[in-house]
Amino acid sequence: MTDHLPNSIARAGLGAAVLLLAACAAAPPAPDERRTVEDRVRAPALANDGTSLQVYTLRNPAVESLERQAQAAEAEGDLARAEQVLERALRIDGRDPAALQFMAEIQLQQGRIDQAGGFAQRSWDAGPQVGALCERTLRTLIVVHERNSEWDLAQRARDRVPSCRVAPPERF
């Protein structure tokens, strides 16, 4: 009986070592998508605000109101409610580039990479090709393509970002 005790201890030690190594080899934690949206999409696009031309599309006031509600829900950390409100806005105007982009950002924050890419692409197709919205859309597409290991597409979107920054015409 005393011979089994050292073997049991050795097996327990070996098991603990295996578990420790397995924990070290586990996949890294998923990126904090909320920080990603803020740091890689919104902040850089707003950093050039006022120094480049901004183009704003004519928007439905109901869509704008719903977008403000979605922003409030996002600020409270309620991404599900923000998504629901944006769905209502997009039922009113499914081609509103700002609402599409905001939905892309909400989807990205929730880790829904493919959906984020779809909404960002729709925003790009319908939206202005200059200004902060243009840049946010392209930066979202960069993140989506990187997450999907689509390096060529990510680089193509990255190469387009400077074209969003157009100097405003001189005023006399």
Protein backbone atom coordinates (compact mmCIF):
# COMPACT_ATOMS: atom_id res chain seq x y z
CA MET A 1 0.00 0.00 0.00
CA THR A 2 2.88 2.35 0.71
CA ASP A 3 4.24 1.68 -2.81
CA HIS A 4 1.07 3.10 -4.36
CA LEU A 5 1.30 6.38 -2.45
CA PRO A 6 4.46 7.67 -4.21
CA ASN A 7 3.00 6.65 -7.60
CA SER A 8 -0.24 8.52 -6.83
CA ILE A 9 1.69 11.64 -5.85
CA ALA A 10 3.84 11.40 -8.99
CA ARG A 11 0.74 10.99 -11.19
CA ALA A 12 -0.97 13.93 -9.50
CA GLY A 13 2.13 16.07 -10.04
CA LEU A 14 2.35 15.02 -13.67
CA GLY A 15 -1.34 15.78 -14.13
CA ALA A 16 -0.92 19.23 -12.59
CA ALA A 17 2.02 19.94 -14.89
CA VAL A 18 0.01 18.88 -17.95
CA LEU A 19 -2.89 21.12 -16.90
CA LEU A 20 -0.53 24.04 -16.33
CA LEU A 21 1.03 23.62 -19.77
CA ALA A 22 -2.40 23.30 -21.38
CA ALA A 23 -3.50 26.55 -19.74
CA CYS A 24 -0.40 28.30 -21.08
CA ALA A 25 -1.03 26.98 -24.58
CA ALA A 26 -4.66 28.10 -24.67
CA ALA A 27 -5.69 30.63 -27.27
CA PRO A 28 -5.15 34.25 -26.30
CA PRO A 29 -8.22 36.09 -25.07
CA ALA A 30 -10.44 37.66 -27.70
CA PRO A 31 -9.67 41.31 -28.37
CA ASP A 32 -11.77 43.85 -26.53
CA GLU A 33 -13.91 44.87 -29.48
CA ARG A 34 -15.32 47.91 -27.70
CA ARG A 35 -11.80 49.31 -27.31
CA THR A 36 -11.08 48.33 -30.91
CA VAL A 37 -14.01 50.38 -32.18
CA GLU A 38 -13.05 53.38 -30.07
CA ASP A 39 -9.28 53.22 -30.65
CA ARG A 40 -9.05 51.99 -34.24
CA VAL A 41 -12.25 53.26 -35.86
CA ARG A 42 -13.72 56.33 -34.18
CA ALA A 43 -10.82 58.20 -32.57
CA PRO A 44 -8.56 58.33 -35.65
CA ALA A 45 -11.44 59.45 -37.86
CA LEU A 46 -12.38 62.24 -35.48
CA ALA A 47 -8.76 63.31 -34.95
CA ASN A 48 -8.82 65.06 -38.33
CA ASP A 49 -12.23 66.63 -37.81
CA GLY A 50 -12.17 70.25 -38.90
CA THR A 51 -9.07 69.86 -41.04
CA SER A 52 -10.70 68.03 -43.93
CA LEU A 53 -13.82 68.38 -45.96
CA GLN A 54 -16.93 66.79 -44.47
CA VAL A 55 -19.84 65.66 -46.61
CA TYR A 56 -23.18 65.05 -44.94
CA THR A 57 -26.06 63.31 -46.65
CA LEU A 58 -29.65 64.47 -46.28
CA ARG A 59 -31.08 62.36 -43.47
CA ASN A 60 -34.53 61.39 -42.30
CA PRO A 61 -35.17 63.08 -38.91
CA ALA A 62 -36.69 59.87 -37.53
CA VAL A 63 -33.49 57.97 -38.38
CA GLU A 64 -31.39 60.67 -36.71
CA SER A 65 -33.54 60.48 -33.59
CA LEU A 66 -33.26 56.70 -33.43
CA GLU A 67 -29.51 56.95 -33.94
CA ARG A 68 -29.25 59.28 -30.93
CA GLN A 69 -31.23 56.73 -28.89
CA ALA A 70 -28.85 53.99 -30.04
CA GLN A 71 -25.86 56.14 -29.04
CA ALA A 72 -27.35 56.57 -25.57
CA ALA A 73 -27.89 52.80 -25.28
CA GLU A 74 -24.32 52.17 -26.38
CA ALA A 75 -23.01 54.68 -23.83
CA GLU A 76 -24.92 52.75 -21.13
CA GLY A 77 -23.30 49.52 -22.35
CA ASP A 78 -26.57 48.11 -23.70
CA LEU A 79 -25.42 46.98 -27.14
CA ALA A 80 -28.48 44.76 -27.67
CA ARG A 81 -30.81 47.73 -27.26
CA ALA A 82 -28.58 49.89 -29.49
CA GLU A 83 -28.80 47.19 -32.15
CA GLN A 84 -32.61 46.99 -31.86
CA VAL A 85 -32.98 50.75 -32.20
CA LEU A 86 -30.66 50.80 -35.22
CA GLU A 87 -32.68 48.00 -36.82
CA ARG A 88 -35.74 50.24 -36.54
CA ALA A 89 -33.80 53.12 -38.09
CA LEU A 90 -32.66 50.94 -40.98
CA ARG A 91 -36.24 49.78 -41.60
CA ILE A 92 -37.07 53.45 -42.16
CA ASP A 93 -34.04 54.11 -44.38
CA GLY A 94 -31.91 51.09 -45.19
CA ARG A 95 -29.41 53.17 -47.16
CA ASP A 96 -28.56 55.76 -44.49
CA PRO A 97 -24.74 55.56 -44.47
CA ALA A 98 -24.32 56.90 -40.92
CA ALA A 99 -26.84 54.41 -39.49
CA LEU A 100 -25.25 51.57 -41.47
CA GLN A 101 -21.81 52.50 -40.17
CA PHE A 102 -23.03 52.79 -36.60
CA MET A 103 -24.63 49.34 -36.94
CA ALA A 104 -21.31 48.01 -38.26
CA GLU A 105 -19.58 49.36 -35.16
CA ILE A 106 -22.19 47.80 -32.86
CA GLN A 107 -21.80 44.46 -34.64
CA LEU A 108 -18.02 44.69 -34.35
CA GLN A 109 -18.28 45.40 -30.62
CA GLN A 110 -20.39 42.25 -30.26
CA GLY A 111 -17.80 40.17 -32.09
CA ARG A 112 -20.00 39.65 -35.14
CA ILE A 113 -17.21 40.25 -37.60
CA ASP A 114 -18.96 39.20 -40.82
CA GLN A 115 -22.09 41.23 -40.04
CA ALA A 116 -19.91 44.24 -39.22
CA GLY A 117 -18.23 43.86 -42.58
CA GLY A 118 -21.55 43.68 -44.40
CA PHE A 119 -22.90 46.84 -42.77
CA ALA A 120 -19.61 48.71 -43.28
CA GLN A 121 -19.55 47.73 -46.95
CA ARG A 122 -23.13 48.94 -47.40
CA SER A 123 -22.18 52.21 -45.68
CA TRP A 124 -19.20 52.60 -48.01
CA ASP A 125 -21.36 51.93 -51.07
CA ALA A 126 -24.06 54.42 -50.03
CA GLY A 127 -21.98 57.00 -48.19
CA PRO A 128 -19.72 59.90 -48.94
CA GLN A 129 -16.23 59.08 -50.13
CA VAL A 130 -14.69 61.90 -48.08
CA GLY A 131 -14.80 62.95 -44.44
CA ALA A 132 -14.99 61.26 -41.07
CA LEU A 133 -17.75 58.81 -42.04
CA CYS A 134 -15.68 57.63 -45.01
CA GLU A 135 -12.70 57.09 -42.73
CA ARG A 136 -14.71 55.29 -40.02
CA THR A 137 -16.14 52.96 -42.66
CA LEU A 138 -12.75 52.12 -44.12
CA ARG A 139 -11.21 51.64 -40.67
CA THR A 140 -14.04 49.24 -39.80
CA LEU A 141 -13.36 47.30 -42.99
CA ILE A 142 -9.65 47.14 -42.10
CA VAL A 143 -10.45 45.59 -38.71
CA VAL A 144 -12.94 43.15 -40.26
CA HIS A 145 -10.50 42.03 -42.95
CA GLU A 146 -7.71 41.63 -40.39
CA ARG A 147 -9.94 39.51 -38.14
CA ASN A 148 -10.74 37.33 -41.18
CA SER A 149 -7.03 37.14 -42.18
CA GLU A 150 -7.83 38.87 -45.48
CA TRP A 151 -4.59 40.80 -45.56
CA ASP A 152 -4.83 42.03 -49.16
CA LEU A 153 -8.32 43.45 -48.60
CA ALA A 154 -7.20 45.06 -45.33
CA GLN A 155 -4.29 46.71 -47.11
CA ARG A 156 -6.54 47.90 -49.93
CA ALA A 157 -8.86 49.56 -47.40
CA ARG A 158 -5.85 51.00 -45.54
CA ASP A 159 -4.57 52.50 -48.80
CA ARG A 160 -7.94 54.24 -49.34
CA VAL A 161 -8.02 55.98 -45.93
CA PRO A 162 -5.95 59.03 -47.01
CA SER A 163 -8.42 59.70 -49.84
CA CYS A 164 -11.08 60.42 -47.18
CA ARG A 165 -9.09 63.46 -46.06
CA VAL A 166 -9.71 66.18 -48.60
CA ALA A 167 -8.74 69.74 -47.77
CA PRO A 168 -11.73 72.07 -47.76
CA PRO A 169 -11.77 74.79 -50.41
CA GLU A 170 -10.28 78.15 -49.44
CA ARG A 171 -12.77 80.72 -48.27
CA PHE A 172 -12.46 84.29 -49.41
